[in-house]
Amino acid sequence: MALRFRKSFKIAPGVKLNLNKKSTSITFGTRGAHYTINSKGKRTKSIGIPGLESVM
């Protein structure tokens, strides 16, 4: 079983700093829509649709 490290800090309303073992990222946005930039340069956008469940 692998151990994982992840910690998230709220910096301001709508802004979070995320730390994990391999990179650091900052997330901007609210619940339902956010934009993330990590220390490796990857950028991610996410938008949720109210009432729609994600199925995997």
C-alpha atoms as a PDB file:
ATOM      1  CA  MET A   1       0.000   0.000   0.000  1.00  0.00           C
ATOM      2  CA  ALA A   2       1.458   3.364  -1.042  1.00  0.00           C
ATOM      3  CA  LEU A   3       1.436   6.387   1.212  1.00  0.00           C
ATOM      4  CA  ARG A   4       0.151   9.671  -0.175  1.00  0.00           C
ATOM      5  CA  PHE A   5       0.726  13.223   0.968  1.00  0.00           C
ATOM      6  CA  ARG A   6      -1.639  16.055   0.097  1.00  0.00           C
ATOM      7  CA  LYS A   7      -2.386  19.245   1.983  1.00  0.00           C
ATOM      8  CA  SER A   8      -4.578  22.190   0.989  1.00  0.00           C
ATOM      9  CA  PHE A   9      -4.524  25.680   2.514  1.00  0.00           C
ATOM     10  CA  LYS A  10      -7.170  28.342   2.009  1.00  0.00           C
ATOM     11  CA  ILE A  11      -5.318  31.592   1.222  1.00  0.00           C
ATOM     12  CA  ALA A  12      -8.315  33.850   0.498  1.00  0.00           C
ATOM     13  CA  PRO A  13     -11.947  33.353  -0.515  1.00  0.00           C
ATOM     14  CA  GLY A  14     -11.821  31.400  -3.768  1.00  0.00           C
ATOM     15  CA  VAL A  15      -8.032  30.780  -3.640  1.00  0.00           C
ATOM     16  CA  LYS A  16      -6.347  27.598  -2.362  1.00  0.00           C
ATOM     17  CA  LEU A  17      -2.720  26.476  -2.221  1.00  0.00           C
ATOM     18  CA  ASN A  18      -2.344  22.714  -2.708  1.00  0.00           C
ATOM     19  CA  LEU A  19       0.790  20.794  -1.747  1.00  0.00           C
ATOM     20  CA  ASN A  20       1.662  17.200  -2.523  1.00  0.00           C
ATOM     21  CA  LYS A  21       4.775  15.072  -2.708  1.00  0.00           C
ATOM     22  CA  LYS A  22       5.717  15.939  -6.321  1.00  0.00           C
ATOM     23  CA  SER A  23       4.302  19.424  -7.000  1.00  0.00           C
ATOM     24  CA  THR A  24       2.544  22.521  -5.729  1.00  0.00           C
ATOM     25  CA  SER A  25      -0.532  24.130  -7.246  1.00  0.00           C
ATOM     26  CA  ILE A  26      -2.821  27.077  -6.781  1.00  0.00           C
ATOM     27  CA  THR A  27      -6.551  26.927  -7.453  1.00  0.00           C
ATOM     28  CA  PHE A  28      -8.824  29.880  -8.222  1.00  0.00           C
ATOM     29  CA  GLY A  29     -12.598  29.700  -8.303  1.00  0.00           C
ATOM     30  CA  THR A  30     -15.693  28.646  -6.481  1.00  0.00           C
ATOM     31  CA  ARG A  31     -17.560  25.450  -5.927  1.00  0.00           C
ATOM     32  CA  GLY A  32     -18.668  24.227  -9.333  1.00  0.00           C
ATOM     33  CA  ALA A  33     -16.003  26.037 -11.386  1.00  0.00           C
ATOM     34  CA  HIS A  34     -12.288  26.401 -10.836  1.00  0.00           C
ATOM     35  CA  TYR A  35      -8.942  26.937 -12.596  1.00  0.00           C
ATOM     36  CA  THR A  36      -5.721  25.286 -11.389  1.00  0.00           C
ATOM     37  CA  ILE A  37      -2.067  25.942 -12.243  1.00  0.00           C
ATOM     38  CA  ASN A  38       0.624  23.599 -10.902  1.00  0.00           C
ATOM     39  CA  SER A  39       4.383  24.023 -10.478  1.00  0.00           C
ATOM     40  CA  LYS A  40       5.076  21.878 -13.557  1.00  0.00           C
ATOM     41  CA  GLY A  41       3.084  24.261 -15.780  1.00  0.00           C
ATOM     42  CA  LYS A  42      -0.045  22.149 -16.197  1.00  0.00           C
ATOM     43  CA  ARG A  43      -3.268  24.170 -16.299  1.00  0.00           C
ATOM     44  CA  THR A  44      -6.666  22.642 -15.609  1.00  0.00           C
ATOM     45  CA  LYS A  45     -10.182  24.086 -15.930  1.00  0.00           C
ATOM     46  CA  SER A  46     -13.190  22.420 -14.356  1.00  0.00           C
ATOM     47  CA  ILE A  47     -16.869  23.333 -14.592  1.00  0.00           C
ATOM     48  CA  GLY A  48     -19.628  21.366 -12.906  1.00  0.00           C
ATOM     49  CA  ILE A  49     -23.271  21.203 -13.920  1.00  0.00           C
ATOM     50  CA  PRO A  50     -25.682  21.392 -10.954  1.00  0.00           C
ATOM     51  CA  GLY A  51     -27.781  18.271 -10.516  1.00  0.00           C
ATOM     52  CA  LEU A  52     -25.602  16.110 -12.784  1.00  0.00           C
ATOM     53  CA  GLU A  53     -23.667  13.298 -11.120  1.00  0.00           C
ATOM     54  CA  SER A  54     -20.363  12.118 -12.523  1.00  0.00           C
ATOM     55  CA  VAL A  55     -20.401   8.399 -13.293  1.00  0.00           C
ATOM     56  CA  MET A  56     -17.222   6.330 -13.520  1.00  0.00           C
END
